[in-house]
Amino acid sequence: MARDHLTRGQIIAATIELLDSHGVEAFSIRRLGARLGAGATSIYWHVPSRDELLQLAGDEIFSEVDLVPAVDGDWRTPLEAYARSLRETMLRHPWMPAELASSPTYGPRIASVTVHLRTVCTQAGLDADQWAETTTLIHSYVHGFAGAEAAWATTVVKSGRTEEELMAEWMNTVRGRNEGALDAVPELEGAAAMGLDERRSRLEKSFEFGLQTILDGLAARLPEVGGRADV
């Protein structure tokens, strides 16, 4: 693909595809060029460096996150929708949590998200410091939860084994290193024996419990706004 026919949008899209399939460590401009049928020079004409390209990809991912507007002062529904959608987006792109945590990323997509969250929070009566702290808390929670899920999914893929096989191996290791330790926490045995569907259902419940707990805390600080406590 000649430089004149290569666009920044095509480069970013191909970058995301490569990151999804191979991860950040294996990503290179040369591999990207091979995928696009273009030389590195053509890519650098549009994007000056690999690091900036990763930041552009990180920003672009936020276009997939659902932004639900606040209606009639309901701040909780938009924040719930945002947190859930952000987690789902991160799981579709398992490189995303670690990359965003290790490299400051900001662009037009993230700017739009920031404006949306600010609008939702300020309509709820939060001042500048409070809405920033609230969104930081939600981001930290989702990044931590989804980051752990993404890291495990990546480990499974790299191992070439099934999740069940890795869980069984982990339990055998725990038993071997800590004789009798599992007697005090039999729930670990049960967790390891779960099927994939049950394990994922448990993760969904755990995520919702944490999210609702955070929002309940926010509602408690905003008695004039209110908010349901339907954990």
Protein backbone atom coordinates (compact mmCIF):
# COMPACT_ATOMS: atom_id res chain seq x y z
CA MET A 1 0.00 0.00 0.00
CA ALA A 2 1.61 3.23 -1.11
CA ARG A 3 2.05 6.11 1.29
CA ASP A 4 -0.44 8.26 -0.64
CA HIS A 5 -3.14 5.63 -0.08
CA LEU A 6 -2.31 4.90 3.54
CA THR A 7 -4.28 6.83 6.15
CA ARG A 8 -3.69 7.32 9.84
CA GLY A 9 -7.04 5.63 10.51
CA GLN A 10 -5.95 2.51 8.61
CA ILE A 11 -2.67 2.44 10.52
CA ILE A 12 -4.39 2.72 13.89
CA ALA A 13 -6.96 0.05 12.99
CA ALA A 14 -4.23 -2.38 11.89
CA THR A 15 -2.25 -1.58 15.04
CA ILE A 16 -5.22 -2.51 17.24
CA GLU A 17 -5.69 -5.77 15.33
CA LEU A 18 -2.05 -6.69 15.85
CA LEU A 19 -2.12 -5.74 19.51
CA ASP A 20 -5.23 -7.86 20.02
CA SER A 21 -3.65 -10.88 18.39
CA HIS A 22 -0.01 -10.59 19.50
CA GLY A 23 0.19 -8.16 22.41
CA VAL A 24 2.34 -5.08 22.98
CA GLU A 25 5.66 -6.90 23.39
CA ALA A 26 5.43 -8.51 19.95
CA PHE A 27 4.22 -5.37 18.22
CA SER A 28 6.62 -3.66 15.85
CA ILE A 29 6.47 -1.18 13.01
CA ARG A 30 7.97 -3.80 10.71
CA ARG A 31 5.21 -6.28 11.54
CA LEU A 32 2.64 -3.53 11.08
CA GLY A 33 4.13 -2.64 7.70
CA ALA A 34 3.92 -6.25 6.59
CA ARG A 35 0.26 -6.33 7.54
CA LEU A 36 -0.45 -3.14 5.63
CA GLY A 37 1.80 -3.95 2.68
CA ALA A 38 3.80 -0.79 3.34
CA GLY A 39 7.31 0.10 4.41
CA ALA A 40 8.21 1.62 7.76
CA THR A 41 8.92 4.95 6.08
CA SER A 42 5.32 5.15 4.85
CA ILE A 43 4.04 4.54 8.37
CA TYR A 44 6.40 7.07 9.95
CA TRP A 45 5.11 9.64 7.47
CA HIS A 46 1.79 9.49 9.35
CA VAL A 47 2.93 8.59 12.88
CA PRO A 48 6.36 9.67 14.19
CA SER A 49 7.05 6.80 16.59
CA ARG A 50 5.95 3.41 17.89
CA ASP A 51 5.12 4.91 21.29
CA GLU A 52 2.84 7.52 19.79
CA LEU A 53 1.15 4.88 17.70
CA LEU A 54 0.41 2.87 20.84
CA GLN A 55 -1.05 5.97 22.46
CA LEU A 56 -3.23 6.62 19.42
CA ALA A 57 -4.45 3.02 19.55
CA GLY A 58 -5.19 3.34 23.26
CA ASP A 59 -7.22 6.47 22.65
CA GLU A 60 -9.11 4.94 19.71
CA ILE A 61 -10.30 2.03 21.84
CA PHE A 62 -12.41 4.42 23.89
CA SER A 63 -14.67 4.92 20.87
CA GLU A 64 -16.10 1.48 21.74
CA VAL A 65 -17.17 2.50 25.24
CA ASP A 66 -20.88 3.23 25.68
CA LEU A 67 -21.73 6.73 26.91
CA VAL A 68 -25.27 6.88 28.26
CA PRO A 69 -26.55 10.40 28.93
CA ALA A 70 -27.95 11.36 32.30
CA VAL A 71 -31.74 11.76 32.27
CA ASP A 72 -33.72 13.63 34.91
CA GLY A 73 -30.75 13.84 37.24
CA ASP A 74 -30.08 10.08 37.16
CA TRP A 75 -26.29 9.94 37.48
CA ARG A 76 -26.09 6.31 38.54
CA THR A 77 -27.30 4.67 35.33
CA PRO A 78 -24.69 6.45 33.14
CA LEU A 79 -21.85 5.58 35.54
CA GLU A 80 -22.97 1.95 35.72
CA ALA A 81 -23.16 1.73 31.93
CA TYR A 82 -19.76 3.34 31.52
CA ALA A 83 -18.02 1.04 34.00
CA ARG A 84 -19.55 -2.10 32.50
CA SER A 85 -18.77 -1.06 28.94
CA LEU A 86 -15.21 -0.07 29.83
CA ARG A 87 -14.60 -3.49 31.37
CA GLU A 88 -16.04 -5.26 28.32
CA THR A 89 -13.87 -3.13 26.04
CA MET A 90 -10.75 -3.95 28.01
CA LEU A 91 -11.52 -7.67 27.84
CA ARG A 92 -11.88 -7.43 24.05
CA HIS A 93 -8.48 -5.76 23.96
CA PRO A 94 -6.48 -7.48 26.76
CA TRP A 95 -3.37 -5.36 26.14
CA MET A 96 -5.31 -2.22 26.99
CA PRO A 97 -5.25 -2.13 30.84
CA ALA A 98 -1.49 -2.53 31.18
CA GLU A 99 -0.73 -0.14 28.32
CA LEU A 100 -2.95 2.60 29.69
CA ALA A 101 -1.44 2.16 33.14
CA SER A 102 2.16 2.33 31.90
CA SER A 103 1.85 5.13 29.36
CA PRO A 104 -0.14 8.37 29.80
CA THR A 105 -2.69 8.42 27.00
CA TYR A 106 -4.97 11.27 25.99
CA GLY A 107 -6.66 12.09 22.73
CA PRO A 108 -9.99 13.10 21.22
CA ARG A 109 -11.76 9.86 22.20
CA ILE A 110 -10.68 10.07 25.83
CA ALA A 111 -11.47 13.79 25.83
CA SER A 112 -15.06 12.99 24.78
CA VAL A 113 -15.33 10.42 27.56
CA THR A 114 -13.96 12.92 30.08
CA VAL A 115 -16.50 15.57 29.05
CA HIS A 116 -19.31 13.01 29.33
CA LEU A 117 -18.28 11.89 32.81
CA ARG A 118 -17.83 15.48 33.97
CA THR A 119 -21.31 16.35 32.72
CA VAL A 120 -22.90 13.38 34.48
CA CYS A 121 -21.12 14.10 37.75
CA THR A 122 -21.63 17.85 37.80
CA GLN A 123 -25.33 17.37 37.09
CA ALA A 124 -25.36 15.24 40.23
CA GLY A 125 -24.00 18.18 42.20
CA LEU A 126 -20.32 17.24 42.37
CA ASP A 127 -17.77 20.01 42.23
CA ALA A 128 -14.55 19.90 40.16
CA ASP A 129 -12.54 17.99 42.75
CA GLN A 130 -15.35 15.56 43.54
CA TRP A 131 -16.12 14.56 39.96
CA ALA A 132 -12.42 14.05 39.25
CA GLU A 133 -12.06 11.86 42.35
CA THR A 134 -15.21 9.92 41.45
CA THR A 135 -14.10 9.13 37.91
CA THR A 136 -10.59 8.27 39.11
CA LEU A 137 -12.11 5.80 41.58
CA ILE A 138 -14.28 4.17 38.92
CA HIS A 139 -11.38 3.96 36.47
CA SER A 140 -9.08 2.48 39.10
CA TYR A 141 -11.65 -0.15 40.01
CA VAL A 142 -12.40 -1.16 36.42
CA HIS A 143 -8.74 -1.12 35.39
CA GLY A 144 -7.78 -3.30 38.33
CA PHE A 145 -10.60 -5.79 37.86
CA ALA A 146 -10.40 -6.02 34.08
CA GLY A 147 -6.60 -5.93 34.17
CA ALA A 148 -6.50 -9.07 36.30
CA GLU A 149 -9.00 -10.78 33.98
CA ALA A 150 -7.05 -9.75 30.89
CA ALA A 151 -3.75 -10.90 32.37
CA TRP A 152 -5.20 -14.31 33.16
CA ALA A 153 -6.72 -14.63 29.68
CA THR A 154 -3.33 -13.76 28.16
CA THR A 155 -1.62 -16.34 30.35
CA VAL A 156 -4.05 -19.01 29.17
CA VAL A 157 -3.48 -18.15 25.50
CA LYS A 158 0.30 -18.10 25.84
CA SER A 159 0.33 -21.42 27.70
CA GLY A 160 -1.35 -23.28 24.85
CA ARG A 161 -3.48 -25.08 27.42
CA THR A 162 -7.07 -24.77 28.55
CA GLU A 163 -8.15 -22.66 31.49
CA GLU A 164 -9.27 -25.82 33.29
CA GLU A 165 -5.82 -27.37 32.87
CA LEU A 166 -4.09 -24.29 34.24
CA MET A 167 -6.45 -24.10 37.21
CA ALA A 168 -5.82 -27.75 38.02
CA GLU A 169 -2.07 -27.19 37.79
CA TRP A 170 -2.32 -24.16 40.06
CA MET A 171 -4.26 -26.12 42.68
CA ASN A 172 -1.73 -28.95 42.59
CA THR A 173 1.04 -26.40 43.15
CA VAL A 174 -0.83 -24.87 46.09
CA ARG A 175 -1.36 -28.28 47.65
CA GLY A 176 2.28 -29.22 47.18
CA ARG A 177 3.65 -26.04 48.74
CA ASN A 178 1.12 -25.62 51.53
CA GLU A 179 0.19 -28.99 52.95
CA GLY A 180 -3.11 -28.70 54.78
CA ALA A 181 -3.46 -24.99 54.01
CA LEU A 182 -6.55 -25.54 51.87
CA ASP A 183 -8.35 -27.13 54.79
CA ALA A 184 -8.90 -23.65 56.22
CA VAL A 185 -10.26 -22.27 52.93
CA PRO A 186 -12.21 -25.06 51.22
CA GLU A 187 -13.81 -22.47 48.93
CA LEU A 188 -10.60 -22.44 46.88
CA GLU A 189 -11.13 -26.06 45.94
CA GLY A 190 -14.64 -25.26 44.85
CA ALA A 191 -13.50 -22.28 42.80
CA ALA A 192 -10.88 -24.35 41.02
CA ALA A 193 -13.44 -27.03 40.20
CA MET A 194 -15.90 -24.60 38.61
CA GLY A 195 -16.67 -24.78 34.92
CA LEU A 196 -15.93 -21.81 32.70
CA ASP A 197 -19.52 -20.58 32.62
CA GLU A 198 -19.86 -20.70 36.39
CA ARG A 199 -16.51 -19.01 36.90
CA ARG A 200 -17.41 -16.19 34.54
CA SER A 201 -20.79 -15.81 36.23
CA ARG A 202 -19.00 -15.45 39.56
CA LEU A 203 -16.73 -12.80 38.07
CA GLU A 204 -19.74 -10.87 36.79
CA LYS A 205 -21.29 -10.95 40.26
CA SER A 206 -18.04 -9.90 41.88
CA PHE A 207 -17.64 -7.00 39.47
CA GLU A 208 -21.21 -5.85 40.06
CA PHE A 209 -20.80 -6.10 43.83
CA GLY A 210 -17.75 -3.85 43.74
CA LEU A 211 -19.32 -1.38 41.31
CA GLN A 212 -22.54 -1.08 43.29
CA THR A 213 -20.59 -0.67 46.52
CA ILE A 214 -18.67 2.26 45.00
CA LEU A 215 -21.86 3.89 43.72
CA ASP A 216 -23.64 3.30 47.03
CA GLY A 217 -20.79 5.16 48.70
CA LEU A 218 -21.19 8.03 46.28
CA ALA A 219 -24.96 8.08 46.86
CA ALA A 220 -24.37 8.25 50.61
CA ARG A 221 -22.32 11.41 50.05
CA LEU A 222 -25.11 12.92 47.97
CA PRO A 223 -28.26 12.59 50.10
CA GLU A 224 -29.95 15.32 48.11
CA VAL A 225 -29.43 13.33 44.91
CA GLY A 226 -30.26 9.95 46.37
CA GLY A 227 -29.60 6.70 44.56
CA ARG A 228 -30.73 3.16 44.84
CA ALA A 229 -28.87 0.58 46.88
CA ASP A 230 -29.88 -2.52 44.96
CA VAL A 231 -26.76 -4.65 45.32
